[in-house]
Amino acid sequence: MGRIVRINDLDTEGLAPYRDTAELSLKAQGLFVAESPKVIRTALDAGYEAVSLLSDEKYIMGQAADIVERVGDVPVYSAGKKLLEEITGFKLTQGVLCAMKRKSEDTALPAEVHRVAVLEDIMNQTNMGAIFRSAAALGVDAVLLTDGCSDPLFRRTIRVSMGTVFQVPWRFIGKSDSGYIGRLKEEGFLTAAMALRADTVSIEDERLKRAEKLAIVLGTEGDGLKTTTIEECDMTIKIPMAHGVDSLNVAAAGAVAFWEMRYRGV
């Protein structure tokens, strides 16, 4: 069970992960911060190790009681709402934060993979979290990211994903110009680039639905996929739209595509 440590000031040793809003600084220390009991439980279930907890006093014997019991002999920093807001810089609506150790980024993919989402240089953390949540809900087996993408374990991404970044396997696959499309083809994937081009096919195309292994490639906000990436893919695809709308936000587009092109066991 965690060790309850009552804190009275901002300088208490061990609070640095919660005061540090520089995500890259936390990453360099091998840490990330998860928010809310639900998300923390999901991370623990996925094998992530807690370093400490920061909790509203009432949560320790309430909604986070089972987490306090699970985390072992780590400090559980406790304070009232006002001091918690000073430490974190925002209103702690979810009641509890957990500093956790990162795992290796060389995440092994499942032995049997039929659908992967490939994210090229997507930087917006909200979009990243929403894509992971849709991927988890709609049957995507893994998420692959180029080095230009935002890290899935940044705080906002974890929060928006509702912890699904701990449930869907993911890994970085190199720079966007590193030939990753060719490697996916060698692994037997049909590669489909989502892009606004004249030579696109609809996501309703039967070839996409029947594909045993399909990689759905999504590009960065604004500019979309690189021209070289589109040209290397087997197909260029788009979502049929009405009222003259030409595109959707990348997270919304991903959700529609994941559902329509889900693996049907054929």
Protein backbone atom coordinates (compact mmCIF):
# COMPACT_ATOMS: atom_id res chain seq x y z
CA MET A 1 0.00 0.00 0.00
CA GLY A 2 1.20 3.52 -0.78
CA ARG A 3 2.70 5.71 1.97
CA ILE A 4 0.47 8.71 2.68
CA VAL A 5 2.53 11.93 2.77
CA ARG A 6 0.69 15.06 3.80
CA ILE A 7 2.16 18.09 2.00
CA ASN A 8 1.92 21.72 3.07
CA ASP A 9 4.05 23.58 0.53
CA LEU A 10 5.10 23.50 -3.11
CA ASP A 11 8.71 22.57 -2.41
CA THR A 12 8.06 19.11 -0.97
CA GLU A 13 10.61 16.68 -2.36
CA GLY A 14 9.11 14.35 -4.94
CA LEU A 15 6.59 16.78 -6.42
CA ALA A 16 8.74 17.72 -9.42
CA PRO A 17 6.91 15.47 -11.93
CA TYR A 18 3.65 17.23 -11.10
CA ARG A 19 5.09 20.75 -11.23
CA ASP A 20 7.02 20.10 -14.45
CA THR A 21 4.79 20.94 -17.41
CA ALA A 22 7.65 20.42 -19.91
CA GLU A 23 6.72 17.06 -21.42
CA LEU A 24 10.14 16.49 -22.99
CA SER A 25 11.80 17.05 -19.61
CA LEU A 26 9.64 14.35 -18.05
CA LYS A 27 10.32 12.05 -20.99
CA ALA A 28 14.07 12.52 -20.54
CA GLN A 29 13.62 11.31 -16.96
CA GLY A 30 11.77 8.23 -18.19
CA LEU A 31 8.49 9.42 -16.69
CA PHE A 32 4.98 10.44 -17.65
CA VAL A 33 1.94 11.58 -15.66
CA ALA A 34 -1.48 9.94 -15.88
CA GLU A 35 -4.68 11.62 -14.67
CA SER A 36 -7.90 10.23 -13.18
CA PRO A 37 -8.57 6.92 -11.42
CA LYS A 38 -9.86 5.23 -14.59
CA VAL A 39 -6.77 6.09 -16.64
CA ILE A 40 -4.36 5.20 -13.84
CA ARG A 41 -6.02 1.80 -13.37
CA THR A 42 -5.70 1.13 -17.11
CA ALA A 43 -1.98 2.00 -17.01
CA LEU A 44 -1.41 -0.27 -14.00
CA ASP A 45 -3.31 -3.08 -15.72
CA ALA A 46 -0.99 -2.64 -18.71
CA GLY A 47 2.07 -3.13 -16.51
CA TYR A 48 3.22 0.46 -16.03
CA GLU A 49 4.91 1.10 -12.68
CA ALA A 50 3.86 3.93 -10.39
CA VAL A 51 6.52 6.24 -8.93
CA SER A 52 4.15 8.31 -6.79
CA LEU A 53 0.60 9.61 -6.54
CA LEU A 54 -0.72 13.12 -5.97
CA SER A 55 -4.26 13.07 -4.68
CA ASP A 56 -7.04 15.19 -3.30
CA GLU A 57 -7.44 14.09 0.31
CA LYS A 58 -10.96 12.78 -0.17
CA TYR A 59 -9.92 10.50 -3.04
CA ILE A 60 -7.45 8.49 -0.93
CA MET A 61 -10.24 6.76 0.98
CA GLY A 62 -12.72 7.17 -1.86
CA GLN A 63 -12.42 6.77 -5.63
CA ALA A 64 -8.67 6.12 -5.55
CA ALA A 65 -8.60 3.76 -2.56
CA ASP A 66 -7.98 0.69 -4.72
CA ILE A 67 -5.14 2.47 -6.55
CA VAL A 68 -3.47 3.44 -3.26
CA GLU A 69 -3.70 -0.23 -2.32
CA ARG A 70 -2.14 -1.38 -5.63
CA VAL A 71 0.83 0.93 -6.06
CA GLY A 72 3.07 -0.64 -3.43
CA ASP A 73 5.35 1.32 -1.13
CA VAL A 74 5.40 4.57 -3.10
CA PRO A 75 4.60 8.03 -1.72
CA VAL A 76 1.01 9.16 -2.00
CA TYR A 77 1.16 12.94 -1.69
CA SER A 78 -2.03 14.38 -0.25
CA ALA A 79 -3.25 17.96 -0.06
CA GLY A 80 -6.34 20.12 -0.24
CA LYS A 81 -7.72 21.46 -3.51
CA LYS A 82 -6.14 24.91 -3.25
CA LEU A 83 -2.59 23.63 -2.80
CA LEU A 84 -3.10 20.99 -5.50
CA GLU A 85 -4.06 23.74 -7.96
CA GLU A 86 -0.88 25.65 -7.06
CA ILE A 87 1.25 22.55 -7.63
CA THR A 88 -0.27 21.47 -10.94
CA GLY A 89 -1.27 24.87 -12.30
CA PHE A 90 -4.86 23.79 -12.99
CA LYS A 91 -8.01 22.66 -11.21
CA LEU A 92 -7.64 18.98 -10.44
CA THR A 93 -11.10 17.88 -11.51
CA GLN A 94 -10.19 14.19 -11.66
CA GLY A 95 -8.83 14.16 -8.10
CA VAL A 96 -5.64 12.15 -8.57
CA LEU A 97 -2.45 12.13 -10.66
CA CYS A 98 0.15 9.37 -10.94
CA ALA A 99 3.78 9.73 -12.01
CA MET A 100 4.77 6.52 -13.78
CA LYS A 101 7.83 4.96 -15.40
CA ARG A 102 7.95 4.67 -19.16
CA LYS A 103 8.55 1.34 -20.83
CA SER A 104 10.76 0.72 -23.81
CA GLU A 105 9.33 2.26 -26.98
CA ASP A 106 10.15 -0.95 -28.86
CA THR A 107 6.66 -2.26 -28.25
CA ALA A 108 6.09 -5.71 -29.69
CA LEU A 109 3.10 -5.87 -31.98
CA PRO A 110 0.53 -8.66 -31.62
CA ALA A 111 1.37 -11.91 -33.39
CA GLU A 112 -1.71 -11.52 -35.59
CA VAL A 113 -2.25 -8.05 -37.02
CA HIS A 114 -4.91 -7.20 -39.60
CA ARG A 115 -5.37 -3.43 -39.27
CA VAL A 116 -2.80 -0.80 -38.36
CA ALA A 117 -3.10 2.98 -38.25
CA VAL A 118 0.02 4.74 -39.47
CA LEU A 119 0.42 8.34 -38.30
CA GLU A 120 2.78 10.57 -40.25
CA ASP A 121 4.04 13.64 -38.35
CA ILE A 122 0.82 14.26 -36.39
CA MET A 123 1.70 16.74 -33.66
CA ASN A 124 -1.56 17.82 -32.03
CA GLN A 125 -1.92 15.98 -28.72
CA THR A 126 -5.71 16.18 -28.72
CA ASN A 127 -5.87 14.62 -32.18
CA MET A 128 -3.39 11.96 -31.13
CA GLY A 129 -5.48 11.00 -28.11
CA ALA A 130 -8.70 10.92 -30.13
CA ILE A 131 -7.09 8.70 -32.78
CA PHE A 132 -5.96 6.22 -30.15
CA ARG A 133 -9.42 6.12 -28.59
CA SER A 134 -11.02 5.43 -31.96
CA ALA A 135 -8.36 2.85 -32.80
CA ALA A 136 -9.07 0.97 -29.58
CA ALA A 137 -12.83 1.12 -30.01
CA LEU A 138 -12.94 0.23 -33.71
CA GLY A 139 -10.62 -2.76 -33.94
CA VAL A 140 -7.25 -1.32 -34.99
CA ASP A 141 -4.57 -3.76 -33.83
CA ALA A 142 -1.67 -1.30 -33.55
CA VAL A 143 -0.65 2.31 -34.14
CA LEU A 144 2.63 3.12 -35.89
CA LEU A 145 4.12 6.62 -35.66
CA THR A 146 6.80 8.46 -37.57
CA ASP A 147 9.40 10.35 -35.54
CA GLY A 148 7.64 13.63 -36.31
CA CYS A 149 4.60 12.64 -34.27
CA SER A 150 3.78 13.83 -30.79
CA ASP A 151 4.56 11.27 -28.08
CA PRO A 152 1.52 9.17 -27.09
CA LEU A 153 2.49 9.41 -23.41
CA PHE A 154 2.21 13.17 -23.20
CA ARG A 155 -0.36 14.16 -20.60
CA ARG A 156 -3.07 15.62 -22.83
CA THR A 157 -2.89 12.67 -25.23
CA ILE A 158 -3.28 10.20 -22.37
CA ARG A 159 -6.24 12.17 -21.01
CA VAL A 160 -8.05 12.52 -24.35
CA SER A 161 -7.44 8.86 -25.17
CA MET A 162 -9.07 7.84 -21.87
CA GLY A 163 -6.10 5.55 -21.28
CA THR A 164 -6.36 3.64 -24.55
CA VAL A 165 -2.72 4.54 -25.29
CA PHE A 166 -2.01 1.80 -22.73
CA GLN A 167 -4.25 -0.71 -24.47
CA VAL A 168 -3.38 -0.38 -28.17
CA PRO A 169 0.21 -1.44 -29.02
CA TRP A 170 2.22 1.36 -30.63
CA ARG A 171 5.75 2.11 -31.71
CA PHE A 172 7.81 4.66 -33.60
CA ILE A 173 8.96 3.54 -37.04
CA GLY A 174 11.48 6.19 -38.08
CA LYS A 175 11.35 9.41 -40.06
CA SER A 176 8.59 10.03 -42.56
CA ASP A 177 11.12 9.77 -45.41
CA SER A 178 12.72 6.57 -44.11
CA GLY A 179 10.95 4.20 -46.52
CA TYR A 180 8.46 2.92 -43.97
CA ILE A 181 5.77 2.33 -46.62
CA GLY A 182 8.08 -0.10 -48.40
CA ARG A 183 8.69 -1.98 -45.17
CA LEU A 184 4.95 -2.28 -44.55
CA LYS A 185 4.50 -3.72 -48.04
CA GLU A 186 7.25 -6.25 -47.37
CA GLU A 187 5.31 -7.33 -44.28
CA GLY A 188 2.27 -8.03 -46.46
CA PHE A 189 0.21 -4.90 -45.84
CA LEU A 190 -1.97 -3.25 -48.43
CA THR A 191 -1.07 0.41 -47.87
CA ALA A 192 -3.82 3.02 -48.20
CA ALA A 193 -3.04 6.74 -48.01
CA MET A 194 -5.86 9.07 -46.94
CA ALA A 195 -5.41 12.14 -49.14
CA LEU A 196 -7.26 14.65 -51.30
CA ARG A 197 -6.30 13.57 -54.81
CA ALA A 198 -8.09 13.13 -58.11
CA ASP A 199 -7.14 9.45 -58.30
CA THR A 200 -8.64 8.35 -54.99
CA VAL A 201 -11.01 5.49 -54.31
CA SER A 202 -13.74 5.49 -51.68
CA ILE A 203 -13.12 3.91 -48.27
CA GLU A 204 -16.12 1.74 -49.19
CA ASP A 205 -14.06 -0.02 -51.86
CA GLU A 206 -14.37 -3.79 -51.43
CA ARG A 207 -10.63 -4.33 -51.84
CA LEU A 208 -10.06 -2.44 -48.61
CA LYS A 209 -12.67 -4.40 -46.69
CA ARG A 210 -11.35 -7.73 -47.97
CA ALA A 211 -7.67 -7.01 -47.30
CA GLU A 212 -6.14 -9.49 -44.88
CA LYS A 213 -3.63 -6.87 -43.72
CA LEU A 214 -4.32 -3.17 -44.22
CA ALA A 215 -2.29 -0.10 -43.20
CA ILE A 216 -4.35 3.10 -43.06
CA VAL A 217 -1.95 6.03 -43.42
CA LEU A 218 -2.97 9.41 -41.96
CA GLY A 219 -1.05 12.66 -42.41
CA THR A 220 -0.26 15.70 -40.35
CA GLU A 221 -2.81 18.40 -39.63
CA GLY A 222 -3.06 20.95 -42.43
CA ASP A 223 -0.53 19.68 -44.97
CA GLY A 224 -1.55 16.02 -44.86
CA LEU A 225 0.70 13.24 -46.13
CA LYS A 226 3.91 13.88 -48.01
CA THR A 227 3.66 13.50 -51.77
CA THR A 228 6.29 10.75 -51.70
CA THR A 229 4.30 8.82 -49.11
CA ILE A 230 1.13 8.99 -51.21
CA GLU A 231 2.99 7.84 -54.32
CA GLU A 232 4.56 4.89 -52.48
CA CYS A 233 1.22 3.60 -51.14
CA ASP A 234 -0.80 1.00 -53.04
CA MET A 235 -3.96 3.10 -53.02
CA THR A 236 -5.09 6.63 -52.24
CA ILE A 237 -8.42 6.75 -50.45
CA LYS A 238 -10.96 9.30 -49.25
CA ILE A 239 -14.25 9.53 -47.41
CA PRO A 240 -17.29 10.36 -49.59
CA MET A 241 -18.69 13.70 -48.37
CA ALA A 242 -21.69 15.95 -48.90
CA HIS A 243 -22.34 19.70 -49.12
CA GLY A 244 -19.01 20.43 -50.77
CA VAL A 245 -16.99 19.61 -47.66
CA ASP A 246 -13.56 18.45 -48.78
CA SER A 247 -12.07 17.05 -45.58
CA LEU A 248 -12.47 16.22 -41.90
CA ASN A 249 -10.23 16.74 -38.92
CA VAL A 250 -7.64 13.94 -38.94
CA ALA A 251 -9.04 12.35 -35.78
CA ALA A 252 -12.59 12.34 -37.15
CA ALA A 253 -11.40 11.02 -40.51
CA GLY A 254 -9.50 8.26 -38.75
CA ALA A 255 -12.59 7.15 -36.82
CA VAL A 256 -14.71 6.93 -39.97
CA ALA A 257 -11.98 5.05 -41.84
CA PHE A 258 -11.28 2.60 -39.01
CA TRP A 259 -14.94 1.63 -38.84
CA GLU A 260 -15.55 1.32 -42.56
CA MET A 261 -12.35 -0.64 -43.25
CA ARG A 262 -12.42 -2.80 -40.11
CA TYR A 263 -11.28 -6.40 -40.40
CA ARG A 264 -14.22 -8.67 -41.04
CA GLY A 265 -12.47 -12.00 -40.68
CA VAL A 266 -12.51 -12.85 -44.37
